[in-house]
Amino acid sequence: MAAQIKPGPSSSNDKFNSSRKPVLLAKLEGCSDNVNKAIIIPETDGVISVSSDRSVRVWLKRDSGQYWPSICNYLPSPAVDLFYRPISRQLFVGQENGTISEFILEEDFNRMEPVGDILAHYGRITGMIWTEVAIDGTVEQWILSTSRDKRFQYHNAKNGNPIGPPFVCAAWCTSLEYDAESAHAFVGDYSGNITMLNIKADGLQVVTTLTGHTACIEMLTWDSSTRRLFSAGHDRLIIIWDIGGGHGTAYELHGHTNRVTSLAFVSSKNQLISAGEDSVMVFWDLNAERKETPTWAESDNCESCSRPFLWNITGIFERKQFGSRQHHCRSCGRALCDKCSQEQSTIPSMGFELPVRVCKFCSSNIDHTPLATFHDTKHSVMSITMDLQRKCVVTVGQDRVIKIWDVSTLL
């Protein structure tokens, strides 16, 4: 029987107090180590998962309503990532040792035939994308990949040969996204930077570096319709980058209290779904007008009451006051002392769905109408994937459990 999340008693202001909630359809259990990724098989009541116990599993829904493995194939090293092509039933599995293994699934999903291996990297695979490229009238198949060996590389998917020299990052490559229309790849790294690359048949070119995160980039998602890039990381922050709109804006979303590990974008609704280690799944409404967060001001004195800050020794002696720590209003960006910035408020238009420090003036001029809804997943999420056709979300938890959610009421 389908179960629905029902948080305990809460106030009317509780962020989880919503009449529309995800409905838990199924729980898949049985892996003896971390499940690293899982996806719903399109047009089939099935799920593909990869795990650190070295297994690749295909789960099919039985007449009882339960999901049981129809395939359980073990690889030489932990399976850490996957990419599936429904039209050809090609399955690419990234491993801890840097190998990308290709398989073909049978039509009944009860057997998988190995095709070959690509010795792509020297470390854990952190991202894989299959794409077709037309070169001199010939269509080629490429596999783009990133790894903890600090390299972005692309290979010919047919023969496994590398194409052009790799891009070597200064830190671990942790995430990958690709825009097939413009042939641009985005590589997130452990230091918090995102490198934009132009991919060509004879090599690659670094276009720019996006800086905004202060910790590891965990996930990248691309919206081809509006040419926006979404990034999330260990700094609990989500950033919306306007890549192709020509405005150069970067909007921030703050709603998680722990690392954000996963993103999924619903283009038809202009809605972003995020999940993380705080066991929360957030649905962000991107139709509303949003504002960029202000640049924090630099000052020697409080910009409201003129009280000197700790490092302003001259001001402390002149005013005969103890120095104060410097704070900033998240709404206007002014440099303020603690006394002048004691208010706490949400600022939904700037992406602050959790209370943050604001000044007295701004606190009375903020529209507090939420632009996101919060839902408890009951497990710390490592990965989410979206099936738009069925309006279902798959979450993978640190508890080694895969959950399938019906989110149709939220889309």
Protein backbone atom coordinates (compact mmCIF):
# COMPACT_ATOMS: atom_id res chain seq x y z
CA MET A 1 0.00 0.00 0.00
CA ALA A 2 1.32 3.46 -0.87
CA ALA A 3 2.44 5.42 2.20
CA GLN A 4 2.39 9.17 2.56
CA ILE A 5 4.85 11.25 4.55
CA LYS A 6 3.18 12.64 7.63
CA PRO A 7 5.50 14.75 9.79
CA GLY A 8 4.68 15.02 13.47
CA PRO A 9 2.64 17.83 15.03
CA SER A 10 3.84 21.22 13.86
CA SER A 11 2.94 24.86 13.98
CA SER A 12 1.28 26.74 11.14
CA ASN A 13 4.66 28.28 10.35
CA ASP A 14 6.46 24.94 10.03
CA LYS A 15 8.18 24.73 6.63
CA PHE A 16 6.95 21.11 6.27
CA ASN A 17 3.32 22.09 6.81
CA SER A 18 2.02 21.54 3.28
CA SER A 19 -1.17 19.95 1.98
CA ARG A 20 0.63 18.57 -1.10
CA LYS A 21 3.24 15.93 -0.34
CA PRO A 22 5.28 13.26 -2.11
CA VAL A 23 3.73 9.80 -1.83
CA LEU A 24 6.07 6.90 -1.13
CA LEU A 25 5.33 4.17 -3.69
CA ALA A 26 8.08 1.63 -2.99
CA LYS A 27 11.27 0.89 -1.06
CA LEU A 28 14.04 -1.20 -2.61
CA GLU A 29 16.45 -2.86 -0.18
CA GLY A 30 19.12 -5.52 -0.35
CA CYS A 31 22.46 -3.90 -1.23
CA SER A 32 25.26 -4.69 1.21
CA ASP A 33 27.08 -1.39 0.65
CA ASN A 34 26.30 2.19 -0.41
CA VAL A 35 23.93 2.56 -3.36
CA ASN A 36 25.52 5.28 -5.49
CA LYS A 37 22.83 5.93 -8.09
CA ALA A 38 19.46 4.61 -9.25
CA ILE A 39 17.19 5.48 -12.18
CA ILE A 40 13.70 4.47 -13.31
CA ILE A 41 13.64 2.56 -16.59
CA PRO A 42 11.39 4.58 -18.94
CA GLU A 43 8.09 2.91 -19.93
CA THR A 44 8.88 -0.04 -17.64
CA ASP A 45 8.13 -0.77 -14.00
CA GLY A 46 11.81 -1.14 -13.30
CA VAL A 47 14.83 0.49 -11.68
CA ILE A 48 18.55 0.22 -12.40
CA SER A 49 20.97 0.74 -9.52
CA VAL A 50 24.72 0.64 -8.97
CA SER A 51 26.37 0.03 -5.62
CA SER A 52 29.71 0.02 -3.85
CA ASP A 53 29.19 -3.72 -3.25
CA ARG A 54 30.26 -3.97 -6.94
CA SER A 55 26.75 -4.84 -8.10
CA VAL A 56 24.62 -3.60 -10.98
CA ARG A 57 21.01 -4.46 -10.26
CA VAL A 58 17.88 -4.28 -12.40
CA TRP A 59 14.76 -4.28 -10.22
CA LEU A 60 11.39 -5.20 -11.76
CA LYS A 61 7.99 -4.70 -10.17
CA ARG A 62 6.26 -8.01 -9.49
CA ASP A 63 2.55 -8.82 -9.32
CA SER A 64 2.74 -8.36 -5.54
CA GLY A 65 3.71 -4.71 -6.05
CA GLN A 66 7.21 -5.32 -4.68
CA TYR A 67 10.42 -4.74 -6.63
CA TRP A 68 12.86 -7.64 -6.86
CA PRO A 69 16.15 -7.93 -8.78
CA SER A 70 15.87 -9.60 -12.17
CA ILE A 71 19.58 -8.98 -12.77
CA CYS A 72 22.40 -8.80 -10.25
CA ASN A 73 25.74 -8.50 -12.03
CA TYR A 74 29.02 -7.99 -10.18
CA LEU A 75 31.94 -5.93 -11.52
CA PRO A 76 35.66 -6.06 -10.68
CA SER A 77 35.42 -2.89 -8.55
CA PRO A 78 32.66 -0.80 -6.88
CA ALA A 79 30.02 0.52 -9.32
CA VAL A 80 29.73 4.26 -8.69
CA ASP A 81 27.86 5.83 -11.63
CA LEU A 82 25.57 4.88 -14.51
CA PHE A 83 24.18 6.26 -17.77
CA TYR A 84 21.32 4.54 -19.59
CA ARG A 85 20.06 4.98 -23.18
CA PRO A 86 16.47 3.66 -23.32
CA ILE A 87 16.20 3.66 -27.13
CA SER A 88 19.10 1.19 -27.54
CA ARG A 89 19.09 -0.25 -24.00
CA GLN A 90 22.76 0.64 -23.67
CA LEU A 91 23.97 0.80 -20.09
CA PHE A 92 27.28 2.44 -19.16
CA VAL A 93 28.59 1.82 -15.65
CA GLY A 94 31.43 3.82 -14.11
CA GLN A 95 33.65 2.06 -11.60
CA GLU A 96 35.86 2.99 -8.68
CA ASN A 97 38.98 1.93 -10.63
CA GLY A 98 38.26 4.39 -13.48
CA THR A 99 36.82 1.87 -15.95
CA ILE A 100 33.61 2.50 -17.89
CA SER A 101 31.82 -0.77 -18.75
CA GLU A 102 29.14 -0.97 -21.45
CA PHE A 103 26.27 -3.48 -21.42
CA ILE A 104 23.15 -4.16 -23.51
CA LEU A 105 19.98 -5.04 -21.61
CA GLU A 106 17.64 -7.65 -23.09
CA GLU A 107 14.09 -6.56 -23.93
CA ASP A 108 12.65 -8.41 -20.94
CA PHE A 109 15.33 -6.93 -18.62
CA ASN A 110 16.28 -10.38 -17.33
CA ARG A 111 19.75 -10.40 -18.83
CA MET A 112 22.57 -7.97 -19.62
CA GLU A 113 25.28 -8.70 -22.17
CA PRO A 114 28.74 -7.12 -21.77
CA VAL A 115 29.92 -5.09 -24.77
CA GLY A 116 33.30 -3.83 -23.66
CA ASP A 117 35.32 -1.69 -21.27
CA ILE A 118 36.86 1.74 -21.68
CA LEU A 119 39.93 2.34 -19.52
CA ALA A 120 38.99 5.98 -19.15
CA HIS A 121 40.62 7.12 -15.89
CA TYR A 122 42.94 6.21 -13.02
CA GLY A 123 40.44 6.97 -10.26
CA ARG A 124 36.77 6.89 -9.28
CA ILE A 125 34.36 7.91 -12.07
CA THR A 126 32.32 10.95 -10.95
CA GLY A 127 30.33 11.72 -14.09
CA MET A 128 29.42 10.13 -17.45
CA ILE A 129 27.43 11.39 -20.43
CA TRP A 130 26.82 9.68 -23.79
CA THR A 131 26.34 11.90 -26.82
CA GLU A 132 26.24 11.76 -30.62
CA VAL A 133 28.40 14.14 -32.65
CA ALA A 134 28.29 14.76 -36.42
CA ILE A 135 31.81 15.10 -37.84
CA ASP A 136 32.29 15.59 -41.60
CA GLY A 137 28.93 13.97 -42.28
CA THR A 138 29.64 10.99 -40.04
CA VAL A 139 27.83 10.49 -36.73
CA GLU A 140 30.12 9.42 -33.91
CA GLN A 141 29.27 8.29 -30.39
CA TRP A 142 31.24 9.82 -27.56
CA ILE A 143 31.43 9.14 -23.84
CA LEU A 144 32.33 12.19 -21.77
CA SER A 145 33.59 11.47 -18.26
CA THR A 146 35.14 12.98 -15.15
CA SER A 147 37.07 11.34 -12.36
CA ARG A 148 38.89 11.82 -9.08
CA ASP A 149 42.11 11.62 -11.09
CA LYS A 150 41.38 15.34 -11.76
CA ARG A 151 40.71 14.71 -15.45
CA PHE A 152 37.90 15.37 -17.88
CA GLN A 153 38.20 13.05 -20.88
CA TYR A 154 36.06 12.03 -23.85
CA HIS A 155 36.33 8.74 -25.70
CA ASN A 156 34.92 7.15 -28.83
CA ALA A 157 32.16 4.92 -27.43
CA LYS A 158 32.63 2.36 -30.24
CA ASN A 159 36.34 1.64 -29.94
CA GLY A 160 37.23 3.22 -26.59
CA ASN A 161 39.92 5.47 -28.05
CA PRO A 162 40.45 8.86 -26.38
CA ILE A 163 39.60 11.94 -28.46
CA GLY A 164 41.96 14.82 -27.95
CA PRO A 165 43.98 15.54 -24.81
CA PRO A 166 42.22 15.53 -21.41
CA PHE A 167 41.46 18.61 -19.36
CA VAL A 168 43.38 18.43 -16.09
CA CYS A 169 41.74 20.19 -13.16
CA ALA A 170 43.50 21.57 -10.08
CA ALA A 171 41.29 19.42 -7.81
CA TRP A 172 39.19 16.28 -8.03
CA CYS A 173 36.58 16.47 -10.78
CA THR A 174 33.33 15.76 -8.95
CA SER A 175 30.46 16.40 -11.39
CA LEU A 176 29.72 16.77 -15.09
CA GLU A 177 27.04 18.31 -17.32
CA TYR A 178 26.89 18.79 -21.08
CA ASP A 179 24.97 20.95 -23.58
CA ALA A 180 24.85 18.94 -26.81
CA GLU A 181 23.51 21.85 -28.87
CA SER A 182 26.50 24.12 -28.27
CA ALA A 183 29.01 21.33 -27.46
CA HIS A 184 29.93 22.82 -24.09
CA ALA A 185 30.77 20.74 -21.03
CA PHE A 186 30.68 21.92 -17.42
CA VAL A 187 33.07 20.32 -14.95
CA GLY A 188 32.61 20.84 -11.22
CA ASP A 189 35.52 20.22 -8.89
CA TYR A 190 36.26 19.61 -5.23
CA SER A 191 37.46 23.19 -4.65
CA GLY A 192 34.06 24.64 -5.64
CA ASN A 193 34.88 25.88 -9.15
CA ILE A 194 33.01 25.05 -12.37
CA THR A 195 35.01 25.02 -15.60
CA MET A 196 33.18 25.58 -18.89
CA LEU A 197 34.79 23.75 -21.84
CA ASN A 198 34.12 23.90 -25.57
CA ILE A 199 34.37 20.32 -26.87
CA LYS A 200 35.59 19.71 -30.42
CA ALA A 201 36.71 16.72 -32.46
CA ASP A 202 40.32 17.88 -32.42
CA GLY A 203 40.48 18.97 -28.77
CA LEU A 204 38.89 21.15 -26.15
CA GLN A 205 39.10 24.79 -25.14
CA VAL A 206 38.59 26.36 -21.72
CA VAL A 207 35.91 29.05 -22.03
CA THR A 208 35.57 30.36 -18.48
CA THR A 209 35.51 29.41 -14.80
CA LEU A 210 32.41 29.99 -12.67
CA THR A 211 33.20 30.85 -9.06
CA GLY A 212 30.60 31.17 -6.33
CA HIS A 213 30.70 28.01 -4.25
CA THR A 214 33.06 27.74 -1.28
CA ALA A 215 33.18 23.94 -1.15
CA CYS A 216 32.95 20.82 -3.32
CA ILE A 217 30.51 20.89 -6.25
CA GLU A 218 28.34 17.81 -5.78
CA MET A 219 25.85 18.15 -8.66
CA LEU A 220 25.34 20.02 -11.95
CA THR A 221 22.11 20.16 -13.98
CA TRP A 222 21.56 21.88 -17.34
CA ASP A 223 18.35 23.46 -18.67
CA SER A 224 18.67 23.56 -22.46
CA SER A 225 15.48 25.59 -23.01
CA THR A 226 16.64 28.68 -21.07
CA ARG A 227 20.35 27.81 -21.12
CA ARG A 228 20.75 27.86 -17.39
CA LEU A 229 23.14 25.82 -15.27
CA PHE A 230 22.19 24.70 -11.76
CA SER A 231 24.92 23.77 -9.29
CA ALA A 232 24.85 22.43 -5.74
CA GLY A 233 27.52 21.55 -3.26
CA HIS A 234 28.84 20.88 0.19
CA ASP A 235 28.41 24.55 1.15
CA ARG A 236 24.60 23.92 1.33
CA LEU A 237 24.15 26.36 -1.54
CA ILE A 238 22.39 26.09 -4.91
CA ILE A 239 23.32 28.58 -7.64
CA ILE A 240 21.40 29.29 -10.86
CA TRP A 241 23.85 30.46 -13.54
CA ASP A 242 22.52 32.38 -16.55
CA ILE A 243 24.85 30.99 -19.22
CA GLY A 244 23.03 31.72 -22.47
CA GLY A 245 20.65 34.52 -21.52
CA GLY A 246 23.27 37.22 -21.86
CA HIS A 247 22.51 38.75 -18.46
CA GLY A 248 25.36 37.13 -16.57
CA THR A 249 23.26 36.75 -13.44
CA ALA A 250 23.74 34.17 -10.69
CA TYR A 251 20.86 33.58 -8.28
CA GLU A 252 21.38 31.75 -5.00
CA LEU A 253 18.98 29.36 -3.28
CA HIS A 254 19.36 28.67 0.45
CA GLY A 255 17.09 26.03 1.91
CA HIS A 256 19.19 23.11 3.11
CA THR A 257 20.91 22.72 6.46
CA ASN A 258 23.47 20.17 5.23
CA ARG A 259 25.24 19.24 2.01
CA VAL A 260 23.12 19.43 -1.14
CA THR A 261 23.81 16.27 -3.09
CA SER A 262 21.28 16.16 -5.91
CA LEU A 263 19.29 18.27 -8.34
CA ALA A 264 16.56 17.59 -10.91
CA PHE A 265 14.92 20.16 -13.17
CA VAL A 266 11.35 20.05 -14.51
CA SER A 267 11.45 22.33 -17.54
CA SER A 268 7.70 22.18 -18.26
CA LYS A 269 6.97 23.66 -14.82
CA ASN A 270 10.16 25.70 -14.45
CA GLN A 271 10.70 23.94 -11.16
CA LEU A 272 13.90 22.75 -9.52
CA ILE A 273 14.05 19.80 -7.12
CA SER A 274 16.92 19.51 -4.66
CA ALA A 275 17.80 16.99 -1.96
CA GLY A 276 20.64 16.49 0.45
CA GLU A 277 22.11 15.00 3.58
CA ASP A 278 19.58 16.88 5.75
CA SER A 279 16.93 14.35 4.58
CA VAL A 280 14.93 17.12 2.92
CA MET A 281 13.62 17.36 -0.65
CA VAL A 282 12.86 20.92 -1.75
CA PHE A 283 10.71 22.01 -4.70
CA TRP A 284 11.77 25.50 -5.89
CA ASP A 285 9.38 27.65 -7.91
CA LEU A 286 11.53 29.45 -10.50
CA ASN A 287 8.61 31.25 -12.17
CA ALA A 288 8.66 34.01 -9.57
CA GLU A 289 10.92 37.03 -10.06
CA ARG A 290 14.16 36.61 -8.15
CA LYS A 291 16.89 39.00 -7.08
CA GLU A 292 20.63 38.52 -6.92
CA THR A 293 22.11 38.58 -3.44
CA PRO A 294 23.89 41.90 -2.76
CA THR A 295 27.64 42.32 -2.51
CA TRP A 296 28.69 42.69 1.10
CA ALA A 297 29.87 46.19 1.92
CA GLU A 298 33.26 46.91 3.46
CA SER A 299 33.41 49.52 6.23
CA ASP A 300 35.33 50.42 9.38
CA ASN A 301 32.14 51.42 11.18
CA CYS A 302 28.57 50.19 11.43
CA GLU A 303 26.68 51.75 8.54
CA SER A 304 23.65 52.26 10.76
CA CYS A 305 24.90 53.55 14.13
CA SER A 306 28.58 54.30 13.23
CA ARG A 307 29.94 52.06 15.99
CA PRO A 308 33.56 51.11 15.13
CA PHE A 309 34.42 47.53 14.28
CA LEU A 310 37.11 45.57 16.14
CA TRP A 311 39.94 46.43 13.76
CA ASN A 312 39.18 50.17 13.74
CA ILE A 313 41.52 51.08 16.63
CA THR A 314 41.43 54.79 15.80
CA GLY A 315 37.63 54.86 15.82
CA ILE A 316 37.50 52.97 19.12
CA PHE A 317 39.71 55.59 20.84
CA GLU A 318 37.97 58.55 19.23
CA ARG A 319 34.45 57.38 20.13
CA LYS A 320 35.53 55.72 23.41
CA GLN A 321 33.51 52.62 22.57
CA PHE A 322 34.33 48.94 22.56
CA GLY A 323 34.76 47.59 19.07
CA SER A 324 32.04 45.38 17.60
CA ARG A 325 32.14 42.39 15.30
CA GLN A 326 31.11 43.07 11.72
CA HIS A 327 27.94 41.48 10.34
CA HIS A 328 26.02 41.96 7.11
CA CYS A 329 22.36 42.29 6.28
CA ARG A 330 21.53 39.56 3.77
CA SER A 331 18.94 41.79 2.14
CA CYS A 332 20.83 45.06 1.55
CA GLY A 333 24.42 43.94 2.15
CA ARG A 334 25.29 46.77 4.55
CA ALA A 335 28.06 46.26 7.14
CA LEU A 336 26.43 46.39 10.58
CA CYS A 337 27.18 45.76 14.23
CA ASP A 338 25.39 43.00 16.13
CA LYS A 339 22.87 45.39 17.72
CA CYS A 340 21.76 46.76 14.35
CA SER A 341 21.39 43.35 12.70
CA GLN A 342 19.65 41.19 15.28
CA GLU A 343 16.52 40.56 13.19
CA GLN A 344 16.06 37.13 11.58
CA SER A 345 13.94 36.78 8.46
CA THR A 346 13.39 34.69 5.36
CA ILE A 347 13.97 36.46 2.02
CA PRO A 348 12.30 34.18 -0.57
CA SER A 349 12.93 36.54 -3.51
CA MET A 350 16.68 36.15 -2.87
CA GLY A 351 16.44 32.42 -2.28
CA PHE A 352 16.66 32.55 1.52
CA GLU A 353 13.90 30.16 2.58
CA LEU A 354 15.47 29.77 6.03
CA PRO A 355 15.77 32.75 8.45
CA VAL A 356 18.94 34.82 8.03
CA ARG A 357 20.35 38.00 9.58
CA VAL A 358 18.80 41.24 8.34
CA CYS A 359 18.76 44.86 9.51
CA LYS A 360 15.78 46.53 11.19
CA PHE A 361 14.91 48.55 8.10
CA CYS A 362 14.87 45.58 5.73
CA SER A 363 12.96 43.29 8.12
CA SER A 364 9.83 45.41 7.72
CA ASN A 365 10.05 45.60 3.92
CA ILE A 366 10.38 41.91 2.94
CA ASP A 367 7.74 39.80 1.27
CA HIS A 368 7.87 36.53 3.24
CA THR A 369 5.67 34.49 0.85
CA PRO A 370 7.54 31.16 0.38
CA LEU A 371 8.75 30.26 -3.10
CA ALA A 372 9.67 26.68 -2.17
CA THR A 373 8.08 23.69 -0.45
CA PHE A 374 9.93 21.31 1.87
CA HIS A 375 9.37 17.56 2.28
CA ASP A 376 10.94 15.00 4.61
CA THR A 377 12.44 12.01 2.77
CA LYS A 378 13.14 10.07 5.98
CA HIS A 379 16.67 9.30 4.86
CA SER A 380 19.85 11.24 4.08
CA VAL A 381 19.82 11.53 0.28
CA MET A 382 22.89 10.75 -1.82
CA SER A 383 21.22 10.92 -5.24
CA ILE A 384 17.89 11.74 -6.90
CA THR A 385 16.69 11.12 -10.45
CA MET A 386 13.44 12.22 -12.08
CA ASP A 387 11.06 10.38 -14.39
CA LEU A 388 9.04 13.20 -15.98
CA GLN A 389 6.67 10.90 -17.83
CA ARG A 390 5.45 9.23 -14.65
CA LYS A 391 6.11 12.23 -12.40
CA CYS A 392 8.15 10.08 -10.07
CA VAL A 393 11.37 10.77 -8.19
CA VAL A 394 13.89 8.14 -7.07
CA THR A 395 15.96 8.92 -3.98
CA VAL A 396 19.00 6.95 -2.88
CA GLY A 397 19.86 7.23 0.80
CA GLN A 398 22.89 6.71 2.97
CA ASP A 399 20.83 3.94 4.58
CA ARG A 400 21.34 1.90 1.34
CA VAL A 401 17.62 2.16 0.58
CA ILE A 402 16.12 3.24 -2.76
CA LYS A 403 12.75 5.00 -2.54
CA ILE A 404 10.32 5.74 -5.34
CA TRP A 405 8.06 8.77 -4.83
CA ASP A 406 4.97 9.97 -6.67
CA VAL A 407 5.34 13.77 -6.90
CA SER A 408 2.48 14.45 -9.32
CA THR A 409 0.68 16.73 -6.82
CA LEU A 410 3.75 18.97 -6.67
CA LEU A 411 4.30 19.41 -10.41
